[in-house]
Amino acid sequence: MTHKQQDSPYFATQIPLLVQDRWFAFILIPAIKKIYGRVSKEYVNHSSQEYKAKAAGKTETHLVGRIKLQELQDQIHTIICEDRDEDLNIFGSFFFIMDIRGIKLQ
């Protein structure tokens, strides 16, 4: 959720930590658990703070197929739309930025 400019040591955009924590706790982690079930336990069985501490600046690569990505997006939309208490409508318009390497376009 942060973006470091390629030619600069400074962050171009940083989403406030409170917003990041809400995204992880109320939307992303529940959506992953719903889509991947028990398989996701190793990756999402902790809080956003524990995840950040575990990552400690490292990036990880996880393969996500087209169908699972669509299911994840649908589940995220469902969580946001069905929310009554957590004011998750601030996440109503979201997008993913991905780094795709090693594919051939036809």
PDB file of N, CA and C in Angstrom:
ATOM      1  N   MET A   1       0.804  -1.194   0.000  1.00  0.00           N
ATOM      2  CA  MET A   1       0.000   0.000   0.000  1.00  0.00           C
ATOM      3  C   MET A   1       0.846   1.256   0.000  1.00  0.00           C
ATOM      4  N   THR A   2       2.122   1.070  -0.127  1.00  0.00           N
ATOM      5  CA  THR A   2       2.986   2.225  -0.277  1.00  0.00           C
ATOM      6  C   THR A   2       3.705   2.099  -1.604  1.00  0.00           C
ATOM      7  N   HIS A   3       4.072   3.209  -2.156  1.00  0.00           N
ATOM      8  CA  HIS A   3       4.730   3.208  -3.455  1.00  0.00           C
ATOM      9  C   HIS A   3       5.981   4.058  -3.361  1.00  0.00           C
ATOM     10  N   LYS A   4       7.120   3.437  -3.579  1.00  0.00           N
ATOM     11  CA  LYS A   4       8.369   4.174  -3.551  1.00  0.00           C
ATOM     12  C   LYS A   4       8.741   4.526  -4.983  1.00  0.00           C
ATOM     13  N   GLN A   5       9.034   5.789  -5.218  1.00  0.00           N
ATOM     14  CA  GLN A   5       9.424   6.211  -6.558  1.00  0.00           C
ATOM     15  C   GLN A   5      10.717   5.514  -6.948  1.00  0.00           C
ATOM     16  N   GLN A   6      10.810   5.137  -8.210  1.00  0.00           N
ATOM     17  CA  GLN A   6      11.948   4.352  -8.673  1.00  0.00           C
ATOM     18  C   GLN A   6      13.270   5.095  -8.515  1.00  0.00           C
ATOM     19  N   ASP A   7      13.295   6.377  -8.794  1.00  0.00           N
ATOM     20  CA  ASP A   7      14.536   7.144  -8.761  1.00  0.00           C
ATOM     21  C   ASP A   7      14.682   7.979  -7.496  1.00  0.00           C
ATOM     22  N   SER A   8      13.939   7.675  -6.463  1.00  0.00           N
ATOM     23  CA  SER A   8      13.942   8.495  -5.261  1.00  0.00           C
ATOM     24  C   SER A   8      13.774   7.600  -4.029  1.00  0.00           C
ATOM     25  N   PRO A   9      14.398   7.965  -2.923  1.00  0.00           N
ATOM     26  CA  PRO A   9      14.219   7.175  -1.697  1.00  0.00           C
ATOM     27  C   PRO A   9      12.919   7.490  -0.962  1.00  0.00           C
ATOM     28  N   TYR A  10      12.108   8.404  -1.511  1.00  0.00           N
ATOM     29  CA  TYR A  10      10.884   8.843  -0.843  1.00  0.00           C
ATOM     30  C   TYR A  10       9.655   8.134  -1.376  1.00  0.00           C
ATOM     31  N   PHE A  11       8.646   8.033  -0.523  1.00  0.00           N
ATOM     32  CA  PHE A  11       7.388   7.445  -0.926  1.00  0.00           C
ATOM     33  C   PHE A  11       6.560   8.471  -1.686  1.00  0.00           C
ATOM     34  N   ALA A  12       6.014   8.055  -2.821  1.00  0.00           N
ATOM     35  CA  ALA A  12       5.152   8.936  -3.613  1.00  0.00           C
ATOM     36  C   ALA A  12       3.761   9.001  -3.001  1.00  0.00           C
ATOM     37  N   THR A  13       3.272   7.881  -2.506  1.00  0.00           N
ATOM     38  CA  THR A  13       1.942   7.806  -1.915  1.00  0.00           C
ATOM     39  C   THR A  13       2.012   6.861  -0.733  1.00  0.00           C
ATOM     40  N   GLN A  14       1.379   7.229   0.334  1.00  0.00           N
ATOM     41  CA  GLN A  14       1.280   6.306   1.451  1.00  0.00           C
ATOM     42  C   GLN A  14      -0.116   6.422   2.042  1.00  0.00           C
ATOM     43  N   ILE A  15      -0.801   5.319   2.068  1.00  0.00           N
ATOM     44  CA  ILE A  15      -2.145   5.272   2.636  1.00  0.00           C
ATOM     45  C   ILE A  15      -1.993   5.244   4.156  1.00  0.00           C
ATOM     46  N   PRO A  16      -2.761   6.036   4.889  1.00  0.00           N
ATOM     47  CA  PRO A  16      -2.638   6.053   6.357  1.00  0.00           C
ATOM     48  C   PRO A  16      -2.751   4.648   6.953  1.00  0.00           C
ATOM     49  N   LEU A  17      -1.975   4.393   7.988  1.00  0.00           N
ATOM     50  CA  LEU A  17      -1.924   3.065   8.591  1.00  0.00           C
ATOM     51  C   LEU A  17      -3.295   2.610   9.103  1.00  0.00           C
ATOM     52  N   LEU A  18      -4.094   3.521   9.625  1.00  0.00           N
ATOM     53  CA  LEU A  18      -5.429   3.153  10.092  1.00  0.00           C
ATOM     54  C   LEU A  18      -6.273   2.598   8.947  1.00  0.00           C
ATOM     55  N   VAL A  19      -6.177   3.214   7.782  1.00  0.00           N
ATOM     56  CA  VAL A  19      -6.920   2.753   6.609  1.00  0.00           C
ATOM     57  C   VAL A  19      -6.376   1.397   6.152  1.00  0.00           C
ATOM     58  N   GLN A  20      -5.043   1.250   6.143  1.00  0.00           N
ATOM     59  CA  GLN A  20      -4.440  -0.032   5.769  1.00  0.00           C
ATOM     60  C   GLN A  20      -4.905  -1.142   6.701  1.00  0.00           C
ATOM     61  N   ASP A  21      -4.921  -0.863   8.005  1.00  0.00           N
ATOM     62  CA  ASP A  21      -5.346  -1.877   8.973  1.00  0.00           C
ATOM     63  C   ASP A  21      -6.799  -2.291   8.761  1.00  0.00           C
ATOM     64  N   ARG A  22      -7.667  -1.327   8.467  1.00  0.00           N
ATOM     65  CA  ARG A  22      -9.076  -1.654   8.202  1.00  0.00           C
ATOM     66  C   ARG A  22      -9.204  -2.510   6.951  1.00  0.00           C
ATOM     67  N   TRP A  23      -8.441  -2.177   5.899  1.00  0.00           N
ATOM     68  CA  TRP A  23      -8.467  -2.945   4.652  1.00  0.00           C
ATOM     69  C   TRP A  23      -8.072  -4.390   4.925  1.00  0.00           C
ATOM     70  N   PHE A  24      -6.967  -4.593   5.654  1.00  0.00           N
ATOM     71  CA  PHE A  24      -6.524  -5.947   5.955  1.00  0.00           C
ATOM     72  C   PHE A  24      -7.503  -6.686   6.856  1.00  0.00           C
ATOM     73  N   ALA A  25      -7.880  -6.067   7.971  1.00  0.00           N
ATOM     74  CA  ALA A  25      -8.667  -6.753   8.994  1.00  0.00           C
ATOM     75  C   ALA A  25     -10.099  -7.045   8.586  1.00  0.00           C
ATOM     76  N   PHE A  26     -10.746  -6.092   7.917  1.00  0.00           N
ATOM     77  CA  PHE A  26     -12.174  -6.240   7.640  1.00  0.00           C
ATOM     78  C   PHE A  26     -12.498  -6.692   6.222  1.00  0.00           C
ATOM     79  N   ILE A  27     -11.534  -6.582   5.300  1.00  0.00           N
ATOM     80  CA  ILE A  27     -11.843  -6.911   3.908  1.00  0.00           C
ATOM     81  C   ILE A  27     -10.921  -7.992   3.352  1.00  0.00           C
ATOM     82  N   LEU A  28      -9.639  -7.710   3.259  1.00  0.00           N
ATOM     83  CA  LEU A  28      -8.733  -8.613   2.547  1.00  0.00           C
ATOM     84  C   LEU A  28      -8.581  -9.971   3.227  1.00  0.00           C
ATOM     85  N   ILE A  29      -8.283  -9.976   4.515  1.00  0.00           N
ATOM     86  CA  ILE A  29      -8.088 -11.250   5.215  1.00  0.00           C
ATOM     87  C   ILE A  29      -9.359 -12.096   5.223  1.00  0.00           C
ATOM     88  N   PRO A  30     -10.542 -11.530   5.549  1.00  0.00           N
ATOM     89  CA  PRO A  30     -11.759 -12.351   5.472  1.00  0.00           C
ATOM     90  C   PRO A  30     -12.055 -12.859   4.050  1.00  0.00           C
ATOM     91  N   ALA A  31     -11.769 -12.046   3.039  1.00  0.00           N
ATOM     92  CA  ALA A  31     -12.011 -12.479   1.655  1.00  0.00           C
ATOM     93  C   ALA A  31     -11.091 -13.637   1.273  1.00  0.00           C
ATOM     94  N   ILE A  32      -9.825 -13.555   1.652  1.00  0.00           N
ATOM     95  CA  ILE A  32      -8.878 -14.643   1.350  1.00  0.00           C
ATOM     96  C   ILE A  32      -9.296 -15.916   2.071  1.00  0.00           C
ATOM     97  N   LYS A  33      -9.679 -15.779   3.341  1.00  0.00           N
ATOM     98  CA  LYS A  33     -10.123 -16.960   4.091  1.00  0.00           C
ATOM     99  C   LYS A  33     -11.341 -17.601   3.443  1.00  0.00           C
ATOM    100  N   LYS A  34     -12.265 -16.785   2.957  1.00  0.00           N
ATOM    101  CA  LYS A  34     -13.486 -17.303   2.334  1.00  0.00           C
ATOM    102  C   LYS A  34     -13.161 -18.019   1.018  1.00  0.00           C
ATOM    103  N   ILE A  35     -12.283 -17.456   0.216  1.00  0.00           N
ATOM    104  CA  ILE A  35     -11.971 -18.026  -1.100  1.00  0.00           C
ATOM    105  C   ILE A  35     -11.051 -19.242  -0.995  1.00  0.00           C
ATOM    106  N   TYR A  36     -10.031 -19.158  -0.159  1.00  0.00           N
ATOM    107  CA  TYR A  36      -9.029 -20.227  -0.100  1.00  0.00           C
ATOM    108  C   TYR A  36      -9.243 -21.209   1.036  1.00  0.00           C
ATOM    109  N   GLY A  37     -10.090 -20.885   2.003  1.00  0.00           N
ATOM    110  CA  GLY A  37     -10.394 -21.815   3.086  1.00  0.00           C
ATOM    111  C   GLY A  37      -9.191 -22.147   3.945  1.00  0.00           C
ATOM    112  N   ARG A  38      -9.074 -23.409   4.320  1.00  0.00           N
ATOM    113  CA  ARG A  38      -8.008 -23.854   5.230  1.00  0.00           C
ATOM    114  C   ARG A  38      -6.618 -23.669   4.641  1.00  0.00           C
ATOM    115  N   VAL A  39      -6.505 -23.682   3.335  1.00  0.00           N
ATOM    116  CA  VAL A  39      -5.201 -23.511   2.680  1.00  0.00           C
ATOM    117  C   VAL A  39      -4.591 -22.156   3.022  1.00  0.00           C
ATOM    118  N   SER A  40      -5.429 -21.154   3.288  1.00  0.00           N
ATOM    119  CA  SER A  40      -4.954 -19.795   3.547  1.00  0.00           C
ATOM    120  C   SER A  40      -4.466 -19.595   4.974  1.00  0.00           C
ATOM    121  N   LYS A  41      -4.685 -20.564   5.847  1.00  0.00           N
ATOM    122  CA  LYS A  41      -4.382 -20.387   7.267  1.00  0.00           C
ATOM    123  C   LYS A  41      -2.945 -19.933   7.500  1.00  0.00           C
ATOM    124  N   GLU A  42      -2.012 -20.494   6.775  1.00  0.00           N
ATOM    125  CA  GLU A  42      -0.600 -20.152   6.934  1.00  0.00           C
ATOM    126  C   GLU A  42      -0.326 -18.691   6.599  1.00  0.00           C
ATOM    127  N   TYR A  43      -1.101 -18.119   5.693  1.00  0.00           N
ATOM    128  CA  TYR A  43      -0.827 -16.773   5.207  1.00  0.00           C
ATOM    129  C   TYR A  43      -1.642 -15.688   5.882  1.00  0.00           C
ATOM    130  N   VAL A  44      -2.814 -15.984   6.361  1.00  0.00           N
ATOM    131  CA  VAL A  44      -3.687 -14.923   6.886  1.00  0.00           C
ATOM    132  C   VAL A  44      -4.179 -15.195   8.306  1.00  0.00           C
ATOM    133  N   ASN A  45      -3.512 -16.044   9.027  1.00  0.00           N
ATOM    134  CA  ASN A  45      -3.967 -16.364  10.369  1.00  0.00           C
ATOM    135  C   ASN A  45      -3.327 -15.450  11.416  1.00  0.00           C
ATOM    136  N   HIS A  46      -3.138 -14.200  11.073  1.00  0.00           N
ATOM    137  CA  HIS A  46      -2.586 -13.238  12.009  1.00  0.00           C
ATOM    138  C   HIS A  46      -3.100 -11.839  11.660  1.00  0.00           C
ATOM    139  N   SER A  47      -2.846 -10.880  12.543  1.00  0.00           N
ATOM    140  CA  SER A  47      -3.348  -9.523  12.343  1.00  0.00           C
ATOM    141  C   SER A  47      -2.495  -8.779  11.319  1.00  0.00           C
ATOM    142  N   SER A  48      -2.977  -7.616  10.907  1.00  0.00           N
ATOM    143  CA  SER A  48      -2.215  -6.827   9.943  1.00  0.00           C
ATOM    144  C   SER A  48      -0.886  -6.379  10.541  1.00  0.00           C
ATOM    145  N   GLN A  49      -0.855  -6.083  11.848  1.00  0.00           N
ATOM    146  CA  GLN A  49       0.397  -5.689  12.491  1.00  0.00           C
ATOM    147  C   GLN A  49       1.399  -6.844  12.485  1.00  0.00           C
ATOM    148  N   GLU A  50       0.920  -8.057  12.767  1.00  0.00           N
ATOM    149  CA  GLU A  50       1.798  -9.227  12.738  1.00  0.00           C
ATOM    150  C   GLU A  50       2.294  -9.489  11.321  1.00  0.00           C
ATOM    151  N   TYR A  51       1.424  -9.282  10.341  1.00  0.00           N
ATOM    152  CA  TYR A  51       1.825  -9.469   8.954  1.00  0.00           C
ATOM    153  C   TYR A  51       2.924  -8.494   8.572  1.00  0.00           C
ATOM    154  N   LYS A  52       2.766  -7.219   8.943  1.00  0.00           N
ATOM    155  CA  LYS A  52       3.781  -6.208   8.635  1.00  0.00           C
ATOM    156  C   LYS A  52       5.099  -6.531   9.310  1.00  0.00           C
ATOM    157  N   ALA A  53       5.046  -6.979  10.570  1.00  0.00           N
ATOM    158  CA  ALA A  53       6.267  -7.347  11.281  1.00  0.00           C
ATOM    159  C   ALA A  53       6.936  -8.552  10.628  1.00  0.00           C
ATOM    160  N   LYS A  54       6.135  -9.510  10.199  1.00  0.00           N
ATOM    161  CA  LYS A  54       6.663 -10.704   9.546  1.00  0.00           C
ATOM    162  C   LYS A  54       7.297 -10.348   8.207  1.00  0.00           C
ATOM    163  N   ALA A  55       6.648  -9.465   7.458  1.00  0.00           N
ATOM    164  CA  ALA A  55       7.165  -9.082   6.145  1.00  0.00           C
ATOM    165  C   ALA A  55       8.430  -8.240   6.279  1.00  0.00           C
ATOM    166  N   ALA A  56       8.447  -7.307   7.218  1.00  0.00           N
ATOM    167  CA  ALA A  56       9.612  -6.456   7.505  1.00  0.00           C
ATOM    168  C   ALA A  56      10.312  -5.962   6.249  1.00  0.00           C
ATOM    169  N   GLY A  57       9.526  -5.431   5.325  1.00  0.00           N
ATOM    170  CA  GLY A  57      10.117  -4.859   4.122  1.00  0.00           C
ATOM    171  C   GLY A  57      10.349  -5.838   2.993  1.00  0.00           C
ATOM    172  N   LYS A  58      10.188  -7.132   3.252  1.00  0.00           N
ATOM    173  CA  LYS A  58      10.384  -8.127   2.198  1.00  0.00           C
ATOM    174  C   LYS A  58       9.109  -8.263   1.381  1.00  0.00           C
ATOM    175  N   THR A  59       9.270  -8.640   0.145  1.00  0.00           N
ATOM    176  CA  THR A  59       8.105  -8.932  -0.679  1.00  0.00           C
ATOM    177  C   THR A  59       8.051 -10.434  -0.915  1.00  0.00           C
ATOM    178  N   GLU A  60       6.867 -10.932  -1.073  1.00  0.00           N
ATOM    179  CA  GLU A  60       6.668 -12.353  -1.331  1.00  0.00           C
ATOM    180  C   GLU A  60       5.892 -12.514  -2.623  1.00  0.00           C
ATOM    181  N   THR A  61       6.142 -13.596  -3.299  1.00  0.00           N
ATOM    182  CA  THR A  61       5.416 -13.895  -4.519  1.00  0.00           C
ATOM    183  C   THR A  61       4.450 -15.036  -4.246  1.00  0.00           C
ATOM    184  N   HIS A  62       3.195 -14.822  -4.601  1.00  0.00           N
ATOM    185  CA  HIS A  62       2.173 -15.855  -4.478  1.00  0.00           C
ATOM    186  C   HIS A  62       1.456 -15.942  -5.815  1.00  0.00           C
ATOM    187  N   LEU A  63       1.375 -17.129  -6.344  1.00  0.00           N
ATOM    188  CA  LEU A  63       0.697 -17.321  -7.616  1.00  0.00           C
ATOM    189  C   LEU A  63      -0.811 -17.322  -7.404  1.00  0.00           C
ATOM    190  N   VAL A  64      -1.489 -16.533  -8.197  1.00  0.00           N
ATOM    191  CA  VAL A  64      -2.944 -16.447  -8.122  1.00  0.00           C
ATOM    192  C   VAL A  64      -3.482 -16.608  -9.526  1.00  0.00           C
ATOM    193  N   GLY A  65      -4.307 -17.600  -9.699  1.00  0.00           N
ATOM    194  CA  GLY A  65      -4.902 -17.843 -11.009  1.00  0.00           C
ATOM    195  C   GLY A  65      -5.992 -16.832 -11.328  1.00  0.00           C
ATOM    196  N   ARG A  66      -6.338 -16.753 -12.589  1.00  0.00           N
ATOM    197  CA  ARG A  66      -7.346 -15.808 -13.063  1.00  0.00           C
ATOM    198  C   ARG A  66      -8.689 -16.022 -12.374  1.00  0.00           C
ATOM    199  N   ILE A  67      -9.089 -17.265 -12.222  1.00  0.00           N
ATOM    200  CA  ILE A  67     -10.392 -17.563 -11.624  1.00  0.00           C
ATOM    201  C   ILE A  67     -10.410 -17.185 -10.149  1.00  0.00           C
ATOM    202  N   LYS A  68      -9.354 -17.544  -9.411  1.00  0.00           N
ATOM    203  CA  LYS A  68      -9.288 -17.201  -7.982  1.00  0.00           C
ATOM    204  C   LYS A  68      -9.210 -15.692  -7.784  1.00  0.00           C
ATOM    205  N   LEU A  69      -8.506 -14.987  -8.676  1.00  0.00           N
ATOM    206  CA  LEU A  69      -8.441 -13.534  -8.562  1.00  0.00           C
ATOM    207  C   LEU A  69      -9.823 -12.916  -8.760  1.00  0.00           C
ATOM    208  N   GLN A  70     -10.576 -13.426  -9.715  1.00  0.00           N
ATOM    209  CA  GLN A  70     -11.934 -12.920  -9.935  1.00  0.00           C
ATOM    210  C   GLN A  70     -12.824 -13.232  -8.732  1.00  0.00           C
ATOM    211  N   GLU A  71     -12.686 -14.445  -8.173  1.00  0.00           N
ATOM    212  CA  GLU A  71     -13.465 -14.805  -6.980  1.00  0.00           C
ATOM    213  C   GLU A  71     -13.102 -13.897  -5.805  1.00  0.00           C
ATOM    214  N   LEU A  72     -11.811 -13.588  -5.668  1.00  0.00           N
ATOM    215  CA  LEU A  72     -11.365 -12.706  -4.593  1.00  0.00           C
ATOM    216  C   LEU A  72     -11.960 -11.309  -4.760  1.00  0.00           C
ATOM    217  N   GLN A  73     -11.931 -10.790  -5.969  1.00  0.00           N
ATOM    218  CA  GLN A  73     -12.517  -9.469  -6.227  1.00  0.00           C
ATOM    219  C   GLN A  73     -14.017  -9.465  -5.937  1.00  0.00           C
ATOM    220  N   ASP A  74     -14.702 -10.519  -6.360  1.00  0.00           N
ATOM    221  CA  ASP A  74     -16.146 -10.620  -6.099  1.00  0.00           C
ATOM    222  C   ASP A  74     -16.424 -10.668  -4.596  1.00  0.00           C
ATOM    223  N   GLN A  75     -15.611 -11.428  -3.873  1.00  0.00           N
ATOM    224  CA  GLN A  75     -15.796 -11.534  -2.424  1.00  0.00           C
ATOM    225  C   GLN A  75     -15.524 -10.192  -1.742  1.00  0.00           C
ATOM    226  N   ILE A  76     -14.515  -9.468  -2.192  1.00  0.00           N
ATOM    227  CA  ILE A  76     -14.224  -8.143  -1.640  1.00  0.00           C
ATOM    228  C   ILE A  76     -15.420  -7.219  -1.860  1.00  0.00           C
ATOM    229  N   HIS A  77     -15.963  -7.224  -3.075  1.00  0.00           N
ATOM    230  CA  HIS A  77     -17.151  -6.404  -3.354  1.00  0.00           C
ATOM    231  C   HIS A  77     -18.321  -6.801  -2.452  1.00  0.00           C
ATOM    232  N   THR A  78     -18.518  -8.091  -2.256  1.00  0.00           N
ATOM    233  CA  THR A  78     -19.600  -8.577  -1.403  1.00  0.00           C
ATOM    234  C   THR A  78     -19.427  -8.086   0.027  1.00  0.00           C
ATOM    235  N   ILE A  79     -18.222  -8.210   0.557  1.00  0.00           N
ATOM    236  CA  ILE A  79     -17.950  -7.763   1.931  1.00  0.00           C
ATOM    237  C   ILE A  79     -18.241  -6.276   2.072  1.00  0.00           C
ATOM    238  N   ILE A  80     -17.791  -5.491   1.105  1.00  0.00           N
ATOM    239  CA  ILE A  80     -17.999  -4.040   1.162  1.00  0.00           C
ATOM    240  C   ILE A  80     -19.485  -3.698   1.064  1.00  0.00           C
ATOM    241  N   CYS A  81     -20.190  -4.334   0.142  1.00  0.00           N
ATOM    242  CA  CYS A  81     -21.610  -4.019  -0.063  1.00  0.00           C
ATOM    243  C   CYS A  81     -22.494  -4.470   1.087  1.00  0.00           C
ATOM    244  N   GLU A  82     -22.152  -5.584   1.727  1.00  0.00           N
ATOM    245  CA  GLU A  82     -22.978  -6.121   2.800  1.00  0.00           C
ATOM    246  C   GLU A  82     -22.657  -5.523   4.160  1.00  0.00           C
ATOM    247  N   ASP A  83     -21.621  -4.688   4.236  1.00  0.00           N
ATOM    248  CA  ASP A  83     -21.216  -4.090   5.503  1.00  0.00           C
ATOM    249  C   ASP A  83     -22.305  -3.175   6.041  1.00  0.00           C
ATOM    250  N   ARG A  84     -22.563  -3.282   7.328  1.00  0.00           N
ATOM    251  CA  ARG A  84     -23.543  -2.419   7.978  1.00  0.00           C
ATOM    252  C   ARG A  84     -22.902  -1.588   9.096  1.00  0.00           C
ATOM    253  N   ASP A  85     -21.794  -2.077   9.661  1.00  0.00           N
ATOM    254  CA  ASP A  85     -21.269  -1.464  10.878  1.00  0.00           C
ATOM    255  C   ASP A  85     -19.900  -0.804  10.751  1.00  0.00           C
ATOM    256  N   GLU A  86     -19.074  -1.239   9.835  1.00  0.00           N
ATOM    257  CA  GLU A  86     -17.680  -0.805   9.827  1.00  0.00           C
ATOM    258  C   GLU A  86     -17.367   0.328   8.851  1.00  0.00           C
ATOM    259  N   ASP A  87     -18.363   0.875   8.162  1.00  0.00           N
ATOM    260  CA  ASP A  87     -18.155   1.950   7.184  1.00  0.00           C
ATOM    261  C   ASP A  87     -17.092   1.590   6.146  1.00  0.00           C
ATOM    262  N   LEU A  88     -17.239   0.431   5.554  1.00  0.00           N
ATOM    263  CA  LEU A  88     -16.267  -0.041   4.570  1.00  0.00           C
ATOM    264  C   LEU A  88     -16.511   0.534   3.182  1.00  0.00           C
ATOM    265  N   ASN A  89     -17.519   1.382   3.040  1.00  0.00           N
ATOM    266  CA  ASN A  89     -17.807   1.953   1.724  1.00  0.00           C
ATOM    267  C   ASN A  89     -16.673   2.836   1.214  1.00  0.00           C
ATOM    268  N   ILE A  90     -15.730   3.224   2.084  1.00  0.00           N
ATOM    269  CA  ILE A  90     -14.566   3.983   1.608  1.00  0.00           C
ATOM    270  C   ILE A  90     -13.701   3.138   0.685  1.00  0.00           C
ATOM    271  N   PHE A  91     -13.868   1.824   0.739  1.00  0.00           N
ATOM    272  CA  PHE A  91     -13.113   0.915  -0.117  1.00  0.00           C
ATOM    273  C   PHE A  91     -13.921   0.473  -1.333  1.00  0.00           C
ATOM    274  N   GLY A  92     -15.035   1.122  -1.591  1.00  0.00           N
ATOM    275  CA  GLY A  92     -15.937   0.715  -2.656  1.00  0.00           C
ATOM    276  C   GLY A  92     -15.328   0.738  -4.046  1.00  0.00           C
ATOM    277  N   SER A  93     -14.346   1.574  -4.263  1.00  0.00           N
ATOM    278  CA  SER A  93     -13.661   1.635  -5.547  1.00  0.00           C
ATOM    279  C   SER A  93     -12.200   1.293  -5.305  1.00  0.00           C
ATOM    280  N   PHE A  94     -11.817   0.079  -5.637  1.00  0.00           N
ATOM    281  CA  PHE A  94     -10.444  -0.355  -5.392  1.00  0.00           C
ATOM    282  C   PHE A  94      -9.861  -0.954  -6.671  1.00  0.00           C
ATOM    283  N   PHE A  95      -8.561  -1.084  -6.696  1.00  0.00           N
ATOM    284  CA  PHE A  95      -7.885  -1.719  -7.817  1.00  0.00           C
ATOM    285  C   PHE A  95      -6.596  -2.346  -7.316  1.00  0.00           C
ATOM    286  N   PHE A  96      -6.075  -3.260  -8.089  1.00  0.00           N
ATOM    287  CA  PHE A  96      -4.823  -3.933  -7.760  1.00  0.00           C
ATOM    288  C   PHE A  96      -3.751  -3.485  -8.741  1.00  0.00           C
ATOM    289  N   ILE A  97      -2.571  -3.286  -8.233  1.00  0.00           N
ATOM    290  CA  ILE A  97      -1.416  -3.038  -9.086  1.00  0.00           C
ATOM    291  C   ILE A  97      -0.563  -4.294  -8.994  1.00  0.00           C
ATOM    292  N   MET A  98      -0.297  -4.888 -10.144  1.00  0.00           N
ATOM    293  CA  MET A  98       0.436  -6.147 -10.148  1.00  0.00           C
ATOM    294  C   MET A  98       1.665  -6.039 -11.025  1.00  0.00           C
ATOM    295  N   ASP A  99       2.636  -6.820 -10.670  1.00  0.00           N
ATOM    296  CA  ASP A  99       3.867  -6.919 -11.442  1.00  0.00           C
ATOM    297  C   ASP A  99       3.820  -8.290 -12.104  1.00  0.00           C
ATOM    298  N   ILE A 100       3.649  -8.299 -13.408  1.00  0.00           N
ATOM    299  CA  ILE A 100       3.512  -9.564 -14.133  1.00  0.00           C
ATOM    300  C   ILE A 100       4.766  -9.755 -14.970  1.00  0.00           C
ATOM    301  N   ARG A 101       5.451 -10.853 -14.735  1.00  0.00           N
ATOM    302  CA  ARG A 101       6.683 -11.137 -15.468  1.00  0.00           C
ATOM    303  C   ARG A 101       6.650 -12.552 -16.016  1.00  0.00           C
ATOM    304  N   GLY A 102       7.390 -12.755 -17.074  1.00  0.00           N
ATOM    305  CA  GLY A 102       7.560 -14.103 -17.602  1.00  0.00           C
ATOM    306  C   GLY A 102       6.368 -14.640 -18.366  1.00  0.00           C
ATOM    307  N   ILE A 103       5.552 -13.772 -18.955  1.00  0.00           N
ATOM    308  CA  ILE A 103       4.445 -14.267 -19.742  1.00  0.00           C
ATOM    309  C   ILE A 103       4.650 -13.818 -21.189  1.00  0.00           C
ATOM    310  N   LYS A 104       4.058 -14.540 -22.084  1.00  0.00           N
ATOM    311  CA  LYS A 104       4.120 -14.193 -23.502  1.00  0.00           C
ATOM    312  C   LYS A 104       2.726 -13.825 -23.959  1.00  0.00           C
ATOM    313  N   LEU A 105       2.622 -12.688 -24.603  1.00  0.00           N
ATOM    314  CA  LEU A 105       1.342 -12.253 -25.142  1.00  0.00           C
ATOM    315  C   LEU A 105       1.229 -12.753 -26.567  1.00  0.00           C
ATOM    316  N   GLN A 106       0.063 -13.205 -26.926  1.00  0.00           N
ATOM    317  CA  GLN A 106      -0.124 -13.719 -28.286  1.00  0.00           C
ATOM    318  C   GLN A 106      -0.770 -12.683 -29.162  1.00  0.00           C
TER     319      GLN A 106
END
